[in-house]
Amino acid sequence: MTLTLYLVRHASTAPNAERRYPHANEDAPLSPEGRRVAAGLKLPLHATAHTSPSLRTRETAELAGFPHVSAAPALAEAAFGVMAGQTWAELEAQFGEGPRGWIDGLGDPESETGPPGGETGRAFHARVQNWLIQLPDDGETIAFTHAGPLLAALRLCVGLRAAEIAPGGVAVLKRAEGHWWLSELRRPER
């Protein structure tokens, strides 16, 4: 038995274009470009689909052909605390080298650190891991999510420490007999 898991980063929004970390309660809609990219996603329409509770992931799912999906809070973006709403340049101007350590902590499944007021690496990865272990043994599952949970799943499943997944990008993982492997990374169609 083999499970195929499609991890879909939501299509682009205005804050994505500005390269700002999202606020915890931010629910930005897709940009016109994001709507076009989402409508062009090629995913198996018979698959079971889950989505983060956010508007941008739900819109991506709907435009990709999945109007009825299960909301999975575990697929929500990481809580960025003091980093929320700011660009990397603004963070460095305000906090110097601090943000590099915070993001490194958030990206480490064993770390008890992360952005002040946000999630720790351990708590964030545990949330994603708890969702992953509940997946079925076979079939096809799609997760419409954000860059953070997508990258966390890649770390947890295949040990990939870093990747660049653009808005509307897809990582395809497979699992058989308890072993995961990365089978494909898709760039969004432009």
C-alpha atoms as a PDB file:
ATOM      1  CA  MET A   1       0.000   0.000   0.000  1.00  0.00           C
ATOM      2  CA  THR A   2       1.263   3.435  -0.959  1.00  0.00           C
ATOM      3  CA  LEU A   3       0.075   6.869   0.070  1.00  0.00           C
ATOM      4  CA  THR A   4       0.681   9.813  -2.258  1.00  0.00           C
ATOM      5  CA  LEU A   5       0.633  13.176  -0.480  1.00  0.00           C
ATOM      6  CA  TYR A   6       0.417  16.410  -2.468  1.00  0.00           C
ATOM      7  CA  LEU A   7       1.569  19.375  -0.382  1.00  0.00           C
ATOM      8  CA  VAL A   8       0.299  22.531  -2.088  1.00  0.00           C
ATOM      9  CA  ARG A   9       1.462  25.993  -1.074  1.00  0.00           C
ATOM     10  CA  HIS A  10      -1.430  28.399  -1.511  1.00  0.00           C
ATOM     11  CA  ALA A  11      -1.238  30.667  -4.548  1.00  0.00           C
ATOM     12  CA  SER A  12       0.009  34.232  -4.163  1.00  0.00           C
ATOM     13  CA  THR A  13      -1.538  37.098  -2.228  1.00  0.00           C
ATOM     14  CA  ALA A  14      -0.584  40.780  -1.954  1.00  0.00           C
ATOM     15  CA  PRO A  15       1.426  40.173   1.280  1.00  0.00           C
ATOM     16  CA  ASN A  16       3.317  37.363  -0.535  1.00  0.00           C
ATOM     17  CA  ALA A  17       4.298  39.816  -3.274  1.00  0.00           C
ATOM     18  CA  GLU A  18       5.540  42.216  -0.571  1.00  0.00           C
ATOM     19  CA  ARG A  19       7.421  39.310   1.079  1.00  0.00           C
ATOM     20  CA  ARG A  20       5.859  40.066   4.469  1.00  0.00           C
ATOM     21  CA  TYR A  21       5.449  37.510   7.223  1.00  0.00           C
ATOM     22  CA  PRO A  22       1.712  37.035   7.800  1.00  0.00           C
ATOM     23  CA  HIS A  23      -0.144  38.162  10.902  1.00  0.00           C
ATOM     24  CA  ALA A  24      -1.785  35.386  12.923  1.00  0.00           C
ATOM     25  CA  ASN A  25      -5.309  36.439  11.952  1.00  0.00           C
ATOM     26  CA  GLU A  26      -4.450  37.675   8.463  1.00  0.00           C
ATOM     27  CA  ASP A  27      -6.795  36.307   5.858  1.00  0.00           C
ATOM     28  CA  ALA A  28      -5.616  37.923   2.634  1.00  0.00           C
ATOM     29  CA  PRO A  29      -7.419  36.774  -0.509  1.00  0.00           C
ATOM     30  CA  LEU A  30      -5.542  35.537  -3.540  1.00  0.00           C
ATOM     31  CA  SER A  31      -4.228  38.154  -5.938  1.00  0.00           C
ATOM     32  CA  PRO A  32      -5.418  38.064  -9.567  1.00  0.00           C
ATOM     33  CA  GLU A  33      -2.161  36.242 -10.458  1.00  0.00           C
ATOM     34  CA  GLY A  34      -2.746  33.853  -7.550  1.00  0.00           C
ATOM     35  CA  ARG A  35      -6.260  33.083  -8.779  1.00  0.00           C
ATOM     36  CA  ARG A  36      -4.883  32.263 -12.237  1.00  0.00           C
ATOM     37  CA  VAL A  37      -2.159  29.991 -10.812  1.00  0.00           C
ATOM     38  CA  ALA A  38      -4.623  28.210  -8.499  1.00  0.00           C
ATOM     39  CA  ALA A  39      -7.030  27.555 -11.385  1.00  0.00           C
ATOM     40  CA  GLY A  40      -4.145  25.994 -13.334  1.00  0.00           C
ATOM     41  CA  LEU A  41      -3.114  23.479 -10.665  1.00  0.00           C
ATOM     42  CA  LYS A  42      -3.220  19.912 -11.931  1.00  0.00           C
ATOM     43  CA  LEU A  43      -4.156  17.621  -9.054  1.00  0.00           C
ATOM     44  CA  PRO A  44      -6.089  14.341  -8.893  1.00  0.00           C
ATOM     45  CA  LEU A  45      -9.708  15.398  -8.406  1.00  0.00           C
ATOM     46  CA  HIS A  46     -10.599  12.090  -6.728  1.00  0.00           C
ATOM     47  CA  ALA A  47      -8.086  12.674  -3.899  1.00  0.00           C
ATOM     48  CA  THR A  48      -9.094  13.483  -0.342  1.00  0.00           C
ATOM     49  CA  ALA A  49      -8.362  17.167   0.248  1.00  0.00           C
ATOM     50  CA  HIS A  50      -7.553  19.072   3.439  1.00  0.00           C
ATOM     51  CA  THR A  51      -6.892  22.760   3.856  1.00  0.00           C
ATOM     52  CA  SER A  52      -5.591  25.207   6.384  1.00  0.00           C
ATOM     53  CA  PRO A  53      -8.462  27.281   7.805  1.00  0.00           C
ATOM     54  CA  SER A  54      -7.207  30.412   5.980  1.00  0.00           C
ATOM     55  CA  LEU A  55      -9.052  32.097   3.130  1.00  0.00           C
ATOM     56  CA  ARG A  56      -6.024  31.920   0.806  1.00  0.00           C
ATOM     57  CA  THR A  57      -5.744  28.133   1.120  1.00  0.00           C
ATOM     58  CA  ARG A  58      -9.501  27.615   0.780  1.00  0.00           C
ATOM     59  CA  GLU A  59      -9.566  29.802  -2.344  1.00  0.00           C
ATOM     60  CA  THR A  60      -6.621  27.879  -3.807  1.00  0.00           C
ATOM     61  CA  ALA A  61      -8.421  24.587  -3.155  1.00  0.00           C
ATOM     62  CA  GLU A  62     -11.689  25.792  -4.667  1.00  0.00           C
ATOM     63  CA  LEU A  63     -10.063  27.180  -7.814  1.00  0.00           C
ATOM     64  CA  ALA A  64      -8.076  23.933  -8.185  1.00  0.00           C
ATOM     65  CA  GLY A  65     -11.339  21.977  -8.255  1.00  0.00           C
ATOM     66  CA  PHE A  66     -11.865  21.171  -4.568  1.00  0.00           C
ATOM     67  CA  PRO A  67     -14.852  23.211  -3.340  1.00  0.00           C
ATOM     68  CA  HIS A  68     -15.502  20.827  -0.421  1.00  0.00           C
ATOM     69  CA  VAL A  69     -12.452  20.182   1.740  1.00  0.00           C
ATOM     70  CA  SER A  70     -11.807  19.259   5.357  1.00  0.00           C
ATOM     71  CA  ALA A  71     -10.355  22.084   7.449  1.00  0.00           C
ATOM     72  CA  ALA A  72      -7.228  20.998   9.297  1.00  0.00           C
ATOM     73  CA  PRO A  73      -5.960  23.558  11.854  1.00  0.00           C
ATOM     74  CA  ALA A  74      -2.616  21.691  11.902  1.00  0.00           C
ATOM     75  CA  LEU A  75      -2.016  22.979   8.355  1.00  0.00           C
ATOM     76  CA  ALA A  76      -2.154  26.648   9.456  1.00  0.00           C
ATOM     77  CA  GLU A  77       0.942  28.773   8.970  1.00  0.00           C
ATOM     78  CA  ALA A  78       3.430  29.079  11.818  1.00  0.00           C
ATOM     79  CA  ALA A  79       2.808  31.773  14.411  1.00  0.00           C
ATOM     80  CA  PHE A  80       5.509  34.380  13.699  1.00  0.00           C
ATOM     81  CA  GLY A  81       5.048  36.541  16.807  1.00  0.00           C
ATOM     82  CA  VAL A  82       6.994  39.824  16.546  1.00  0.00           C
ATOM     83  CA  MET A  83       7.962  39.002  12.949  1.00  0.00           C
ATOM     84  CA  ALA A  84       4.343  39.177  11.734  1.00  0.00           C
ATOM     85  CA  GLY A  85       3.570  41.885   9.215  1.00  0.00           C
ATOM     86  CA  GLN A  86       7.217  42.742   8.550  1.00  0.00           C
ATOM     87  CA  THR A  87       9.676  42.129   5.739  1.00  0.00           C
ATOM     88  CA  TRP A  88      13.112  40.637   6.362  1.00  0.00           C
ATOM     89  CA  ALA A  89      14.747  44.050   5.808  1.00  0.00           C
ATOM     90  CA  GLU A  90      12.437  45.659   8.384  1.00  0.00           C
ATOM     91  CA  LEU A  91      13.189  42.881  10.866  1.00  0.00           C
ATOM     92  CA  GLU A  92      16.957  43.247  10.451  1.00  0.00           C
ATOM     93  CA  ALA A  93      16.714  47.035  10.809  1.00  0.00           C
ATOM     94  CA  GLN A  94      14.764  46.628  14.041  1.00  0.00           C
ATOM     95  CA  PHE A  95      16.344  43.503  15.587  1.00  0.00           C
ATOM     96  CA  GLY A  96      19.753  43.063  13.910  1.00  0.00           C
ATOM     97  CA  GLU A  97      20.791  39.396  13.786  1.00  0.00           C
ATOM     98  CA  GLY A  98      17.943  38.242  16.058  1.00  0.00           C
ATOM     99  CA  PRO A  99      15.514  37.218  13.287  1.00  0.00           C
ATOM    100  CA  ARG A 100      18.044  34.763  11.791  1.00  0.00           C
ATOM    101  CA  GLY A 101      18.143  32.852  15.078  1.00  0.00           C
ATOM    102  CA  TRP A 102      14.364  32.971  15.454  1.00  0.00           C
ATOM    103  CA  ILE A 103      13.736  31.567  11.972  1.00  0.00           C
ATOM    104  CA  ASP A 104      16.441  28.921  12.459  1.00  0.00           C
ATOM    105  CA  GLY A 105      14.747  27.894  15.721  1.00  0.00           C
ATOM    106  CA  LEU A 106      11.338  27.734  14.085  1.00  0.00           C
ATOM    107  CA  GLY A 107      12.813  25.545  11.336  1.00  0.00           C
ATOM    108  CA  ASP A 108      14.281  23.022  13.796  1.00  0.00           C
ATOM    109  CA  PRO A 109      11.939  20.238  14.974  1.00  0.00           C
ATOM    110  CA  GLU A 110      13.880  19.939  18.252  1.00  0.00           C
ATOM    111  CA  SER A 111      14.213  23.642  19.064  1.00  0.00           C
ATOM    112  CA  GLU A 112      12.572  25.282  22.063  1.00  0.00           C
ATOM    113  CA  THR A 113      13.110  28.667  20.398  1.00  0.00           C
ATOM    114  CA  GLY A 114      11.320  30.645  17.719  1.00  0.00           C
ATOM    115  CA  PRO A 115      10.174  34.211  17.174  1.00  0.00           C
ATOM    116  CA  PRO A 116       9.253  36.018  20.418  1.00  0.00           C
ATOM    117  CA  GLY A 117       5.504  35.696  20.868  1.00  0.00           C
ATOM    118  CA  GLY A 118       5.345  32.956  18.197  1.00  0.00           C
ATOM    119  CA  GLU A 119       5.693  29.189  18.053  1.00  0.00           C
ATOM    120  CA  THR A 120       8.808  27.232  18.931  1.00  0.00           C
ATOM    121  CA  GLY A 121      10.288  24.876  16.373  1.00  0.00           C
ATOM    122  CA  ARG A 122       9.295  21.902  18.536  1.00  0.00           C
ATOM    123  CA  ALA A 123       5.641  22.962  18.919  1.00  0.00           C
ATOM    124  CA  PHE A 124       5.274  23.884  15.251  1.00  0.00           C
ATOM    125  CA  HIS A 125       6.728  20.606  13.974  1.00  0.00           C
ATOM    126  CA  ALA A 126       4.746  18.567  16.522  1.00  0.00           C
ATOM    127  CA  ARG A 127       1.548  20.118  15.164  1.00  0.00           C
ATOM    128  CA  VAL A 128       2.453  19.111  11.593  1.00  0.00           C
ATOM    129  CA  GLN A 129       3.700  15.659  12.697  1.00  0.00           C
ATOM    130  CA  ASN A 130       0.425  14.942  14.501  1.00  0.00           C
ATOM    131  CA  TRP A 131      -1.445  15.627  11.261  1.00  0.00           C
ATOM    132  CA  LEU A 132       0.932  13.458   9.216  1.00  0.00           C
ATOM    133  CA  ILE A 133       0.554  10.404  11.461  1.00  0.00           C
ATOM    134  CA  GLN A 134      -3.220  10.487  11.001  1.00  0.00           C
ATOM    135  CA  LEU A 135      -2.987  10.081   7.213  1.00  0.00           C
ATOM    136  CA  PRO A 136      -4.285   6.857   5.656  1.00  0.00           C
ATOM    137  CA  ASP A 137      -1.934   4.072   4.564  1.00  0.00           C
ATOM    138  CA  ASP A 138      -2.841   4.331   0.890  1.00  0.00           C
ATOM    139  CA  GLY A 139      -4.635   6.469  -1.646  1.00  0.00           C
ATOM    140  CA  GLU A 140      -4.099  10.114  -2.543  1.00  0.00           C
ATOM    141  CA  THR A 141      -4.318  13.061  -0.159  1.00  0.00           C
ATOM    142  CA  ILE A 142      -3.902  16.750  -0.899  1.00  0.00           C
ATOM    143  CA  ALA A 143      -2.969  19.369   1.716  1.00  0.00           C
ATOM    144  CA  PHE A 144      -3.555  23.005   0.737  1.00  0.00           C
ATOM    145  CA  THR A 145      -1.290  24.815   3.163  1.00  0.00           C
ATOM    146  CA  HIS A 146       1.438  27.452   3.581  1.00  0.00           C
ATOM    147  CA  ALA A 147       5.204  27.545   3.086  1.00  0.00           C
ATOM    148  CA  GLY A 148       5.948  26.834   6.763  1.00  0.00           C
ATOM    149  CA  PRO A 149       3.894  23.631   7.207  1.00  0.00           C
ATOM    150  CA  LEU A 150       4.937  22.407   3.750  1.00  0.00           C
ATOM    151  CA  LEU A 151       8.620  22.806   4.621  1.00  0.00           C
ATOM    152  CA  ALA A 152       8.040  21.260   8.060  1.00  0.00           C
ATOM    153  CA  ALA A 153       6.477  18.198   6.412  1.00  0.00           C
ATOM    154  CA  LEU A 154       9.468  17.896   4.077  1.00  0.00           C
ATOM    155  CA  ARG A 155      11.838  18.082   7.089  1.00  0.00           C
ATOM    156  CA  LEU A 156       9.865  15.518   9.055  1.00  0.00           C
ATOM    157  CA  CYS A 157       9.240  13.058   6.228  1.00  0.00           C
ATOM    158  CA  VAL A 158      12.384  13.149   4.094  1.00  0.00           C
ATOM    159  CA  GLY A 159      14.895  15.212   6.094  1.00  0.00           C
ATOM    160  CA  LEU A 160      14.986  18.033   3.544  1.00  0.00           C
ATOM    161  CA  ARG A 161      16.380  21.004   5.488  1.00  0.00           C
ATOM    162  CA  ALA A 162      15.595  23.750   2.979  1.00  0.00           C
ATOM    163  CA  ALA A 163      13.684  24.220  -0.248  1.00  0.00           C
ATOM    164  CA  GLU A 164      12.176  27.076  -2.172  1.00  0.00           C
ATOM    165  CA  ILE A 165       8.502  26.454  -2.853  1.00  0.00           C
ATOM    166  CA  ALA A 166       6.870  29.406  -4.617  1.00  0.00           C
ATOM    167  CA  PRO A 167       3.197  30.251  -4.034  1.00  0.00           C
ATOM    168  CA  GLY A 168       1.227  27.673  -6.024  1.00  0.00           C
ATOM    169  CA  GLY A 169       4.104  25.169  -5.905  1.00  0.00           C
ATOM    170  CA  VAL A 170       3.533  21.493  -5.088  1.00  0.00           C
ATOM    171  CA  ALA A 171       5.698  18.896  -3.346  1.00  0.00           C
ATOM    172  CA  VAL A 172       4.667  15.287  -3.934  1.00  0.00           C
ATOM    173  CA  LEU A 173       5.626  12.734  -1.300  1.00  0.00           C
ATOM    174  CA  LYS A 174       4.989   9.008  -1.236  1.00  0.00           C
ATOM    175  CA  ARG A 175       4.916   6.659   1.740  1.00  0.00           C
ATOM    176  CA  ALA A 176       5.017   2.868   1.762  1.00  0.00           C
ATOM    177  CA  GLU A 177       5.770   0.536   4.667  1.00  0.00           C
ATOM    178  CA  GLY A 178       6.460   3.522   6.912  1.00  0.00           C
ATOM    179  CA  HIS A 179       9.087   5.062   4.606  1.00  0.00           C
ATOM    180  CA  TRP A 180       8.659   8.420   2.897  1.00  0.00           C
ATOM    181  CA  TRP A 181      10.319   9.694  -0.261  1.00  0.00           C
ATOM    182  CA  LEU A 182      10.061  12.857  -2.326  1.00  0.00           C
ATOM    183  CA  SER A 183       8.820  12.037  -5.802  1.00  0.00           C
ATOM    184  CA  GLU A 184       8.341  15.486  -7.327  1.00  0.00           C
ATOM    185  CA  LEU A 185       8.664  19.241  -6.797  1.00  0.00           C
ATOM    186  CA  ARG A 186       6.461  21.318  -9.109  1.00  0.00           C
ATOM    187  CA  ARG A 187       6.877  24.985  -9.828  1.00  0.00           C
ATOM    188  CA  PRO A 188       3.666  26.936 -10.389  1.00  0.00           C
ATOM    189  CA  GLU A 189       2.780  27.384 -14.027  1.00  0.00           C
ATOM    190  CA  ARG A 190       3.275  30.969 -15.150  1.00  0.00           C
END
